Amino acid sequence: MFQIGFPELLTLLVLALLLVGPKRLPEVAKFLIRIGSKLKSQYEKISNEINDEIGTEEIKKDIFNEMKLRELELENSEGDDGEK
């Protein structure tokens, strides 16, 4: 999703150090990590609920089966052409 390299990470760290200060930086970092993990778990929960509601696994299986059926039909039609 985000492509953050070392220079960007270092810039964010220096900026956070300047804005928050060295004494409160660990406290703020823990808070941000806690918020991030809560957001991630909520996102996963909502994503799973949506996937369950619309039945994405069934749709994936149906698409896979359709593709296999078309492959078999193509193989059979090519085999029939060779016999004629």
Protein backbone atom coordinates (compact mmCIF):
# COMPACT_ATOMS: atom_id res chain seq x y z
CA MET A 1 0.00 0.00 0.00
CA PHE A 2 2.50 2.62 1.15
CA GLN A 3 6.05 2.42 -0.06
CA ILE A 4 8.06 4.11 2.66
CA GLY A 5 11.81 3.82 2.35
CA PHE A 6 14.52 4.60 4.87
CA PRO A 7 14.87 8.31 3.92
CA GLU A 8 11.14 8.90 4.34
CA LEU A 9 11.09 7.02 7.63
CA LEU A 10 14.04 9.01 8.92
CA THR A 11 12.35 12.27 7.88
CA LEU A 12 9.17 11.28 9.75
CA LEU A 13 11.18 10.38 12.84
CA VAL A 14 13.03 13.71 12.86
CA LEU A 15 9.78 15.59 12.28
CA ALA A 16 8.08 13.73 15.14
CA LEU A 17 11.04 14.41 17.39
CA LEU A 18 10.83 18.12 16.62
CA LEU A 19 7.06 18.33 17.05
CA VAL A 20 6.63 16.19 20.15
CA GLY A 21 9.98 16.35 21.84
CA PRO A 22 12.23 13.58 23.08
CA LYS A 23 10.44 13.10 26.41
CA ARG A 24 6.96 12.47 24.99
CA LEU A 25 8.02 10.68 21.79
CA PRO A 26 7.84 7.12 23.25
CA GLU A 27 4.41 7.85 24.73
CA VAL A 28 3.10 9.26 21.45
CA ALA A 29 4.62 6.37 19.49
CA LYS A 30 2.85 3.81 21.71
CA PHE A 31 -0.42 5.69 21.30
CA LEU A 32 -0.08 5.80 17.50
CA ILE A 33 0.80 2.11 17.35
CA ARG A 34 -2.24 1.27 19.49
CA ILE A 35 -4.51 3.37 17.26
CA GLY A 36 -2.99 1.80 14.14
CA SER A 37 -3.57 -1.73 15.39
CA LYS A 38 -7.17 -0.91 16.32
CA LEU A 39 -7.79 0.57 12.87
CA LYS A 40 -6.23 -2.47 11.21
CA SER A 41 -8.36 -4.90 13.21
CA GLN A 42 -11.52 -2.91 12.46
CA TYR A 43 -10.64 -2.83 8.76
CA GLU A 44 -10.10 -6.60 8.72
CA LYS A 45 -13.36 -7.17 10.59
CA ILE A 46 -15.35 -5.01 8.18
CA SER A 47 -13.60 -6.53 5.17
CA ASN A 48 -14.40 -10.06 6.36
CA GLU A 49 -18.03 -9.13 7.00
CA ILE A 50 -18.37 -7.68 3.51
CA ASN A 51 -16.71 -10.73 1.94
CA ASP A 52 -19.02 -13.04 3.88
CA GLU A 53 -22.08 -10.99 2.97
CA ILE A 54 -21.48 -10.94 -0.77
CA GLY A 55 -20.03 -14.46 -0.87
CA THR A 56 -16.69 -13.76 -2.51
CA GLU A 57 -15.47 -17.32 -1.96
CA GLU A 58 -18.45 -18.70 -3.87
CA ILE A 59 -17.88 -16.18 -6.66
CA LYS A 60 -14.20 -17.17 -6.88
CA LYS A 61 -15.15 -20.85 -7.07
CA ASP A 62 -17.76 -20.16 -9.75
CA ILE A 63 -15.26 -18.19 -11.83
CA PHE A 64 -12.65 -20.91 -11.45
CA ASN A 65 -15.15 -23.59 -12.48
CA GLU A 66 -16.24 -21.54 -15.50
CA MET A 67 -12.64 -21.12 -16.60
CA LYS A 68 -11.96 -24.86 -16.25
CA LEU A 69 -15.14 -25.67 -18.18
CA ARG A 70 -14.11 -23.36 -21.02
CA GLU A 71 -10.63 -24.93 -21.10
CA LEU A 72 -12.17 -28.39 -21.37
CA GLU A 73 -14.54 -27.23 -24.11
CA LEU A 74 -11.62 -25.75 -26.05
CA GLU A 75 -9.61 -28.95 -25.65
CA ASN A 76 -12.58 -31.03 -26.85
CA SER A 77 -13.24 -28.77 -29.84
CA GLU A 78 -9.56 -28.91 -30.84
CA GLY A 79 -9.65 -32.69 -30.53
CA ASP A 80 -12.76 -32.87 -32.72
CA ASP A 81 -11.12 -30.72 -35.40
CA GLY A 82 -8.15 -33.08 -35.59
CA GLU A 83 -10.42 -36.11 -36.21
CA LYS A 84 -12.22 -34.57 -39.21
